[in-house]
Amino acid sequence: DRVDATVHRVRSMIYALLPTGRSCINQIAQAMCMETRTLQRRLAACGWIYSDLVNKVRRSLALHYVSELNYSFVEISAMLGFASQSSFTRWFIAQYEALRPHGDGIGEFRNKALDGTPDDHSLTAYVNP
């Protein structure tokens, strides 16, 4: 189906363009040779809003990057299209609200992921449904 293919293509483009800082809907629409409003309508027909797709991609990549030691938090911030590490950290904590009751910051989140601690402190325990 054309609409589903559009969502898949947009998601793929977000994955590719997010680290470059050029993943706004206008640029994606232009790359797909369509007007921004047309892209918005096609996404809406499939139940998506562009910003929700970007957030879903960011969440997926953030979990992957944070749970490894390959990247610093500054590097992760840039790869996810944030202007600063503090912006990324605030976003991350907001996305994973379960960090708050534990008093955990992003560093503790990473440590628990790397330690493979019990399920109540694992990455999956933090992920919102």
Protein backbone atom coordinates (compact mmCIF):
# COMPACT_ATOMS: atom_id res chain seq x y z
CA ASP A 1 0.00 0.00 0.00
CA ARG A 2 1.29 3.45 -0.95
CA VAL A 3 0.60 5.03 2.44
CA ASP A 4 2.41 2.29 4.37
CA ALA A 5 5.32 2.60 1.97
CA THR A 6 5.37 6.33 2.63
CA VAL A 7 5.62 5.80 6.40
CA HIS A 8 8.41 3.26 5.92
CA ARG A 9 10.31 5.57 3.57
CA VAL A 10 9.92 8.58 5.87
CA ARG A 11 11.11 6.54 8.85
CA SER A 12 14.15 5.35 6.86
CA MET A 13 14.95 8.91 5.84
CA ILE A 14 14.69 10.10 9.45
CA TYR A 15 17.16 7.38 10.51
CA ALA A 16 19.55 8.52 7.80
CA LEU A 17 19.15 12.28 8.20
CA LEU A 18 18.73 12.72 11.95
CA PRO A 19 22.49 12.85 12.63
CA THR A 20 22.93 15.49 9.93
CA GLY A 21 20.40 17.86 11.45
CA ARG A 22 18.48 17.88 8.16
CA SER A 23 15.52 15.74 9.12
CA CYS A 24 12.75 18.35 9.20
CA ILE A 25 9.52 17.49 7.40
CA ASN A 26 10.11 20.10 4.69
CA GLN A 27 13.41 18.52 3.71
CA ILE A 28 11.98 15.00 3.81
CA ALA A 29 9.03 16.04 1.64
CA GLN A 30 11.33 17.74 -0.84
CA ALA A 31 13.53 14.64 -1.03
CA MET A 32 10.39 12.59 -1.73
CA CYS A 33 9.34 15.05 -4.49
CA MET A 34 6.11 16.11 -2.80
CA GLU A 35 4.69 19.07 -0.98
CA THR A 36 4.96 19.12 2.80
CA ARG A 37 1.18 19.16 3.19
CA THR A 38 0.85 16.10 0.93
CA LEU A 39 3.33 14.23 3.09
CA GLN A 40 1.45 15.26 6.23
CA ARG A 41 -1.83 13.98 4.72
CA ARG A 42 -0.28 10.66 3.73
CA LEU A 43 1.18 10.16 7.18
CA ALA A 44 -2.14 11.12 8.80
CA ALA A 45 -3.93 8.57 6.60
CA CYS A 46 -1.79 5.94 8.30
CA GLY A 47 -2.32 7.40 11.78
CA TRP A 48 1.03 9.16 12.06
CA ILE A 49 2.22 12.69 12.74
CA TYR A 50 5.71 13.51 11.52
CA SER A 51 6.97 14.57 14.96
CA ASP A 52 5.78 11.26 16.42
CA LEU A 53 7.82 9.37 13.81
CA VAL A 54 10.91 11.43 14.65
CA ASN A 55 10.38 10.76 18.35
CA LYS A 56 9.95 7.02 17.75
CA VAL A 57 13.22 6.91 15.79
CA ARG A 58 15.00 8.94 18.47
CA ARG A 59 13.74 6.64 21.23
CA SER A 60 14.93 3.57 19.37
CA LEU A 61 18.35 5.01 18.62
CA ALA A 62 18.72 6.49 22.11
CA LEU A 63 18.17 3.11 23.75
CA HIS A 64 20.70 1.54 21.42
CA TYR A 65 23.37 4.23 21.83
CA VAL A 66 22.98 4.74 25.59
CA SER A 67 23.14 1.02 26.33
CA GLU A 68 26.64 0.83 24.80
CA LEU A 69 29.92 2.54 25.65
CA ASN A 70 30.79 3.29 22.02
CA TYR A 71 29.52 6.86 22.19
CA SER A 72 29.73 9.67 24.71
CA PHE A 73 26.55 11.49 25.67
CA VAL A 74 27.75 14.49 23.65
CA GLU A 75 28.11 12.27 20.57
CA ILE A 76 24.72 10.68 21.15
CA SER A 77 23.16 14.13 21.48
CA ALA A 78 24.55 15.17 18.11
CA MET A 79 23.59 11.89 16.41
CA LEU A 80 20.01 12.32 17.57
CA GLY A 81 19.81 15.90 16.33
CA PHE A 82 19.95 17.73 19.65
CA ALA A 83 21.73 21.07 19.92
CA SER A 84 23.31 20.18 23.26
CA GLN A 85 23.86 17.34 25.67
CA SER A 86 21.61 19.01 28.23
CA SER A 87 18.75 19.12 25.69
CA PHE A 88 19.22 15.42 25.02
CA THR A 89 19.41 14.57 28.72
CA ARG A 90 16.17 16.45 29.48
CA TRP A 91 14.45 14.74 26.54
CA PHE A 92 15.73 11.31 27.58
CA ILE A 93 14.57 11.67 31.18
CA ALA A 94 11.17 12.91 29.95
CA GLN A 95 10.85 9.92 27.60
CA TYR A 96 11.73 7.42 30.27
CA GLU A 97 9.79 8.76 33.23
CA ALA A 98 10.52 5.62 35.22
CA LEU A 99 14.01 7.04 35.79
CA ARG A 100 12.54 9.69 38.07
CA PRO A 101 11.24 7.45 40.89
CA HIS A 102 14.59 5.67 40.99
CA GLY A 103 16.39 9.02 41.08
CA ASP A 104 18.45 7.83 38.15
CA GLY A 105 20.09 10.05 35.61
CA ILE A 106 21.18 9.03 32.17
CA GLY A 107 24.55 7.78 33.46
CA GLU A 108 22.89 5.45 35.96
CA PHE A 109 20.56 4.29 33.21
CA ARG A 110 23.59 3.35 31.09
CA ASN A 111 25.35 1.64 33.99
CA LYS A 112 22.32 -0.52 34.76
CA ALA A 113 21.98 -1.46 31.12
CA LEU A 114 25.64 -2.44 30.93
CA ASP A 115 25.55 -4.33 34.24
CA GLY A 116 22.56 -6.39 33.17
CA THR A 117 20.90 -5.77 36.53
CA PRO A 118 17.56 -7.43 37.33
CA ASP A 119 14.46 -6.67 35.30
CA ASP A 120 13.16 -3.97 37.64
CA HIS A 121 16.13 -1.80 36.65
CA SER A 122 16.65 -2.98 33.08
CA LEU A 123 16.06 -0.91 29.98
CA THR A 124 12.73 -2.60 29.36
CA ALA A 125 11.53 -1.51 32.80
CA TYR A 126 12.08 2.10 31.77
CA VAL A 127 10.38 1.98 28.39
CA ASN A 128 6.92 3.51 28.28
CA PRO A 129 4.34 1.35 26.47
